[in-house]
Protein backbone atom coordinates (compact mmCIF):
# COMPACT_ATOMS: atom_id res chain seq x y z
CA UNK A 1 0.00 0.00 0.00
CA UNK A 2 2.66 2.54 0.98
CA UNK A 3 5.68 1.03 -0.70
CA UNK A 4 7.17 1.45 -4.11
CA UNK A 5 9.23 4.12 -5.72
CA UNK A 6 6.76 6.95 -5.31
CA UNK A 7 8.33 10.38 -5.05
CA UNK A 8 8.71 11.55 -1.48
CA UNK A 9 7.82 15.03 -0.38
CA UNK A 10 10.51 17.71 -0.51
CA UNK A 11 10.86 19.19 2.94
CA UNK A 12 11.37 22.92 3.07
CA UNK A 13 9.67 25.87 4.71
CA UNK A 14 8.32 27.66 1.66
CA UNK A 15 4.57 28.00 1.24
CA UNK A 16 5.02 29.22 -2.33
CA UNK A 17 3.97 26.74 -4.97
CA UNK A 18 6.02 26.78 -8.13
CA UNK A 19 4.82 25.33 -11.40
CA UNK A 20 7.04 22.69 -12.96
CA UNK A 21 8.10 22.45 -16.59
CA UNK A 22 5.10 20.17 -17.20
CA UNK A 23 2.75 22.98 -16.13
CA UNK A 24 1.70 21.24 -12.89
CA UNK A 25 2.38 22.53 -9.34
CA UNK A 26 5.44 21.22 -7.49
CA UNK A 27 4.41 20.32 -3.93
CA UNK A 28 6.47 20.41 -0.77
CA UNK A 29 5.60 19.82 2.87
CA UNK A 30 4.06 23.26 3.41
CA UNK A 31 2.43 24.40 0.18
CA UNK A 32 -0.49 22.06 -0.55
CA UNK A 33 -3.03 24.87 -0.10
CA UNK A 34 -1.19 27.12 -2.56
CA UNK A 35 -0.82 24.23 -5.02
CA UNK A 36 -4.56 23.52 -4.75
CA UNK A 37 -5.28 27.16 -5.63
CA UNK A 38 -3.12 26.87 -8.77
CA UNK A 39 -4.80 23.60 -9.74
CA UNK A 40 -8.24 25.15 -9.30
CA UNK A 41 -7.22 28.09 -11.52
CA UNK A 42 -6.09 25.61 -14.21
CA UNK A 43 -8.97 23.11 -14.17
CA UNK A 44 -11.81 24.52 -12.06
CA UNK A 45 -13.38 22.30 -9.44
CA UNK A 46 -13.66 22.87 -5.70
CA UNK A 47 -10.81 23.03 -3.19
CA UNK A 48 -11.33 20.57 -0.32
CA UNK A 49 -9.68 20.51 3.09
CA UNK A 50 -8.59 16.98 4.02
CA UNK A 51 -8.57 16.04 7.70
CA UNK A 52 -8.95 12.82 9.66
CA UNK A 53 -12.67 12.09 10.16
CA UNK A 54 -12.09 10.52 13.58
CA UNK A 55 -10.28 13.54 15.03
CA UNK A 56 -6.73 12.17 14.92
CA UNK A 57 -4.15 14.97 15.04
CA UNK A 58 -2.43 13.74 11.84
CA UNK A 59 -3.52 12.01 8.64
CA UNK A 60 -1.12 9.14 9.17
CA UNK A 61 1.54 7.69 6.87
CA UNK A 62 1.13 8.05 3.13
CA UNK A 63 3.12 7.53 -0.03
CA UNK A 64 4.20 11.17 0.06
CA UNK A 65 4.51 11.49 3.85
CA UNK A 66 5.89 8.16 5.11
CA UNK A 67 6.49 9.61 8.59
CA UNK A 68 2.81 10.60 8.82
CA UNK A 69 3.38 14.18 9.96
CA UNK A 70 0.76 15.98 7.89
CA UNK A 71 -2.10 17.25 10.00
CA UNK A 72 -4.09 18.41 6.97
CA UNK A 73 -3.98 18.52 3.21
CA UNK A 74 -5.72 20.45 0.42
CA UNK A 75 -6.92 18.99 -2.87
CA UNK A 76 -9.18 19.94 -5.75
CA UNK A 77 -12.15 17.77 -6.61
CA UNK A 78 -13.68 18.02 -10.06
CA UNK A 79 -16.17 15.60 -11.60
CA UNK A 80 -15.50 13.01 -8.88
CA UNK A 81 -11.72 13.06 -9.43
CA UNK A 82 -9.16 14.18 -6.83
CA UNK A 83 -6.25 16.40 -7.89
CA UNK A 84 -3.26 17.61 -5.90
CA UNK A 85 0.36 18.42 -6.63
CA UNK A 86 1.21 14.71 -6.68
CA UNK A 87 -1.59 13.30 -8.84
CA UNK A 88 -0.64 15.11 -12.01
CA UNK A 89 -3.17 16.54 -14.41
CA UNK A 90 -5.09 13.26 -14.77
CA UNK A 91 -5.95 13.15 -11.07
CA UNK A 92 -7.12 10.02 -9.25
CA UNK A 93 -10.39 8.40 -8.33
CA UNK A 94 -11.32 8.63 -4.65
CA UNK A 95 -10.47 4.93 -4.22
CA UNK A 96 -7.03 5.35 -5.77
CA UNK A 97 -6.38 8.49 -3.77
CA UNK A 98 -7.38 6.94 -0.45
CA UNK A 99 -5.09 3.94 -1.11
CA UNK A 100 -2.09 6.28 -0.93
CA UNK A 101 -2.75 6.67 2.80
CA UNK A 102 -2.42 4.00 5.47
CA UNK A 103 -5.71 5.19 7.00
CA UNK A 104 -7.26 6.54 3.81
CA UNK A 105 -10.71 5.26 4.67
CA UNK A 106 -10.80 7.87 7.46
CA UNK A 107 -10.01 10.89 5.29
CA UNK A 108 -12.69 13.55 5.34
CA UNK A 109 -12.93 15.90 2.33
CA UNK A 110 -14.69 19.17 3.22
CA UNK A 111 -15.20 22.01 0.73
CA UNK A 112 -12.82 24.79 1.76
CA UNK A 113 -14.23 28.28 2.21
CA UNK A 114 -10.93 30.07 1.74
CA UNK A 115 -10.16 30.64 5.41
C-alpha atoms as a PDB file:
ATOM      1  CA  UNK A   1       0.000   0.000   0.000  1.00  0.00           C
ATOM      2  CA  UNK A   2       2.664   2.545   0.976  1.00  0.00           C
ATOM      3  CA  UNK A   3       5.681   1.030  -0.702  1.00  0.00           C
ATOM      4  CA  UNK A   4       7.173   1.448  -4.107  1.00  0.00           C
ATOM      5  CA  UNK A   5       9.227   4.121  -5.725  1.00  0.00           C
ATOM      6  CA  UNK A   6       6.758   6.954  -5.314  1.00  0.00           C
ATOM      7  CA  UNK A   7       8.334  10.380  -5.045  1.00  0.00           C
ATOM      8  CA  UNK A   8       8.706  11.551  -1.480  1.00  0.00           C
ATOM      9  CA  UNK A   9       7.821  15.034  -0.378  1.00  0.00           C
ATOM     10  CA  UNK A  10      10.506  17.707  -0.513  1.00  0.00           C
ATOM     11  CA  UNK A  11      10.862  19.195   2.942  1.00  0.00           C
ATOM     12  CA  UNK A  12      11.373  22.923   3.072  1.00  0.00           C
ATOM     13  CA  UNK A  13       9.675  25.868   4.712  1.00  0.00           C
ATOM     14  CA  UNK A  14       8.324  27.656   1.656  1.00  0.00           C
ATOM     15  CA  UNK A  15       4.566  28.005   1.244  1.00  0.00           C
ATOM     16  CA  UNK A  16       5.022  29.217  -2.329  1.00  0.00           C
ATOM     17  CA  UNK A  17       3.969  26.736  -4.973  1.00  0.00           C
ATOM     18  CA  UNK A  18       6.023  26.784  -8.126  1.00  0.00           C
ATOM     19  CA  UNK A  19       4.820  25.330 -11.397  1.00  0.00           C
ATOM     20  CA  UNK A  20       7.043  22.687 -12.956  1.00  0.00           C
ATOM     21  CA  UNK A  21       8.100  22.455 -16.587  1.00  0.00           C
ATOM     22  CA  UNK A  22       5.103  20.168 -17.198  1.00  0.00           C
ATOM     23  CA  UNK A  23       2.747  22.979 -16.128  1.00  0.00           C
ATOM     24  CA  UNK A  24       1.702  21.241 -12.888  1.00  0.00           C
ATOM     25  CA  UNK A  25       2.377  22.531  -9.337  1.00  0.00           C
ATOM     26  CA  UNK A  26       5.436  21.220  -7.490  1.00  0.00           C
ATOM     27  CA  UNK A  27       4.411  20.320  -3.934  1.00  0.00           C
ATOM     28  CA  UNK A  28       6.467  20.412  -0.768  1.00  0.00           C
ATOM     29  CA  UNK A  29       5.595  19.820   2.873  1.00  0.00           C
ATOM     30  CA  UNK A  30       4.057  23.256   3.405  1.00  0.00           C
ATOM     31  CA  UNK A  31       2.431  24.397   0.178  1.00  0.00           C
ATOM     32  CA  UNK A  32      -0.494  22.056  -0.554  1.00  0.00           C
ATOM     33  CA  UNK A  33      -3.032  24.869  -0.101  1.00  0.00           C
ATOM     34  CA  UNK A  34      -1.190  27.118  -2.562  1.00  0.00           C
ATOM     35  CA  UNK A  35      -0.818  24.226  -5.022  1.00  0.00           C
ATOM     36  CA  UNK A  36      -4.557  23.524  -4.749  1.00  0.00           C
ATOM     37  CA  UNK A  37      -5.279  27.161  -5.632  1.00  0.00           C
ATOM     38  CA  UNK A  38      -3.115  26.871  -8.766  1.00  0.00           C
ATOM     39  CA  UNK A  39      -4.795  23.601  -9.736  1.00  0.00           C
ATOM     40  CA  UNK A  40      -8.237  25.150  -9.301  1.00  0.00           C
ATOM     41  CA  UNK A  41      -7.219  28.087 -11.520  1.00  0.00           C
ATOM     42  CA  UNK A  42      -6.086  25.608 -14.206  1.00  0.00           C
ATOM     43  CA  UNK A  43      -8.973  23.110 -14.166  1.00  0.00           C
ATOM     44  CA  UNK A  44     -11.813  24.519 -12.060  1.00  0.00           C
ATOM     45  CA  UNK A  45     -13.384  22.304  -9.439  1.00  0.00           C
ATOM     46  CA  UNK A  46     -13.656  22.867  -5.697  1.00  0.00           C
ATOM     47  CA  UNK A  47     -10.808  23.026  -3.188  1.00  0.00           C
ATOM     48  CA  UNK A  48     -11.328  20.573  -0.318  1.00  0.00           C
ATOM     49  CA  UNK A  49      -9.684  20.509   3.095  1.00  0.00           C
ATOM     50  CA  UNK A  50      -8.594  16.980   4.016  1.00  0.00           C
ATOM     51  CA  UNK A  51      -8.569  16.036   7.705  1.00  0.00           C
ATOM     52  CA  UNK A  52      -8.955  12.816   9.659  1.00  0.00           C
ATOM     53  CA  UNK A  53     -12.668  12.090  10.162  1.00  0.00           C
ATOM     54  CA  UNK A  54     -12.088  10.519  13.582  1.00  0.00           C
ATOM     55  CA  UNK A  55     -10.282  13.542  15.026  1.00  0.00           C
ATOM     56  CA  UNK A  56      -6.728  12.168  14.920  1.00  0.00           C
ATOM     57  CA  UNK A  57      -4.149  14.969  15.044  1.00  0.00           C
ATOM     58  CA  UNK A  58      -2.431  13.738  11.841  1.00  0.00           C
ATOM     59  CA  UNK A  59      -3.522  12.015   8.640  1.00  0.00           C
ATOM     60  CA  UNK A  60      -1.118   9.137   9.167  1.00  0.00           C
ATOM     61  CA  UNK A  61       1.540   7.685   6.868  1.00  0.00           C
ATOM     62  CA  UNK A  62       1.135   8.046   3.135  1.00  0.00           C
ATOM     63  CA  UNK A  63       3.116   7.527  -0.027  1.00  0.00           C
ATOM     64  CA  UNK A  64       4.200  11.171   0.056  1.00  0.00           C
ATOM     65  CA  UNK A  65       4.507  11.492   3.851  1.00  0.00           C
ATOM     66  CA  UNK A  66       5.889   8.164   5.109  1.00  0.00           C
ATOM     67  CA  UNK A  67       6.485   9.608   8.589  1.00  0.00           C
ATOM     68  CA  UNK A  68       2.814  10.596   8.823  1.00  0.00           C
ATOM     69  CA  UNK A  69       3.382  14.184   9.964  1.00  0.00           C
ATOM     70  CA  UNK A  70       0.761  15.980   7.887  1.00  0.00           C
ATOM     71  CA  UNK A  71      -2.099  17.249  10.000  1.00  0.00           C
ATOM     72  CA  UNK A  72      -4.094  18.408   6.973  1.00  0.00           C
ATOM     73  CA  UNK A  73      -3.983  18.516   3.208  1.00  0.00           C
ATOM     74  CA  UNK A  74      -5.721  20.453   0.421  1.00  0.00           C
ATOM     75  CA  UNK A  75      -6.920  18.994  -2.868  1.00  0.00           C
ATOM     76  CA  UNK A  76      -9.178  19.940  -5.755  1.00  0.00           C
ATOM     77  CA  UNK A  77     -12.154  17.770  -6.611  1.00  0.00           C
ATOM     78  CA  UNK A  78     -13.680  18.016 -10.062  1.00  0.00           C
ATOM     79  CA  UNK A  79     -16.166  15.597 -11.604  1.00  0.00           C
ATOM     80  CA  UNK A  80     -15.499  13.014  -8.877  1.00  0.00           C
ATOM     81  CA  UNK A  81     -11.724  13.060  -9.434  1.00  0.00           C
ATOM     82  CA  UNK A  82      -9.164  14.179  -6.834  1.00  0.00           C
ATOM     83  CA  UNK A  83      -6.255  16.400  -7.887  1.00  0.00           C
ATOM     84  CA  UNK A  84      -3.261  17.607  -5.899  1.00  0.00           C
ATOM     85  CA  UNK A  85       0.358  18.423  -6.628  1.00  0.00           C
ATOM     86  CA  UNK A  86       1.208  14.711  -6.678  1.00  0.00           C
ATOM     87  CA  UNK A  87      -1.595  13.295  -8.844  1.00  0.00           C
ATOM     88  CA  UNK A  88      -0.637  15.106 -12.009  1.00  0.00           C
ATOM     89  CA  UNK A  89      -3.173  16.541 -14.407  1.00  0.00           C
ATOM     90  CA  UNK A  90      -5.088  13.262 -14.767  1.00  0.00           C
ATOM     91  CA  UNK A  91      -5.952  13.149 -11.069  1.00  0.00           C
ATOM     92  CA  UNK A  92      -7.120  10.023  -9.252  1.00  0.00           C
ATOM     93  CA  UNK A  93     -10.394   8.403  -8.333  1.00  0.00           C
ATOM     94  CA  UNK A  94     -11.320   8.628  -4.645  1.00  0.00           C
ATOM     95  CA  UNK A  95     -10.470   4.932  -4.216  1.00  0.00           C
ATOM     96  CA  UNK A  96      -7.027   5.350  -5.770  1.00  0.00           C
ATOM     97  CA  UNK A  97      -6.384   8.487  -3.775  1.00  0.00           C
ATOM     98  CA  UNK A  98      -7.382   6.935  -0.449  1.00  0.00           C
ATOM     99  CA  UNK A  99      -5.091   3.942  -1.111  1.00  0.00           C
ATOM    100  CA  UNK A 100      -2.090   6.278  -0.932  1.00  0.00           C
ATOM    101  CA  UNK A 101      -2.754   6.674   2.796  1.00  0.00           C
ATOM    102  CA  UNK A 102      -2.424   4.005   5.467  1.00  0.00           C
ATOM    103  CA  UNK A 103      -5.708   5.189   6.996  1.00  0.00           C
ATOM    104  CA  UNK A 104      -7.257   6.542   3.812  1.00  0.00           C
ATOM    105  CA  UNK A 105     -10.714   5.258   4.667  1.00  0.00           C
ATOM    106  CA  UNK A 106     -10.801   7.870   7.455  1.00  0.00           C
ATOM    107  CA  UNK A 107     -10.012  10.887   5.292  1.00  0.00           C
ATOM    108  CA  UNK A 108     -12.690  13.553   5.337  1.00  0.00           C
ATOM    109  CA  UNK A 109     -12.931  15.905   2.329  1.00  0.00           C
ATOM    110  CA  UNK A 110     -14.687  19.174   3.216  1.00  0.00           C
ATOM    111  CA  UNK A 111     -15.204  22.013   0.734  1.00  0.00           C
ATOM    112  CA  UNK A 112     -12.824  24.788   1.756  1.00  0.00           C
ATOM    113  CA  UNK A 113     -14.230  28.277   2.214  1.00  0.00           C
ATOM    114  CA  UNK A 114     -10.925  30.072   1.739  1.00  0.00           C
ATOM    115  CA  UNK A 115     -10.155  30.640   5.406  1.00  0.00           C
END
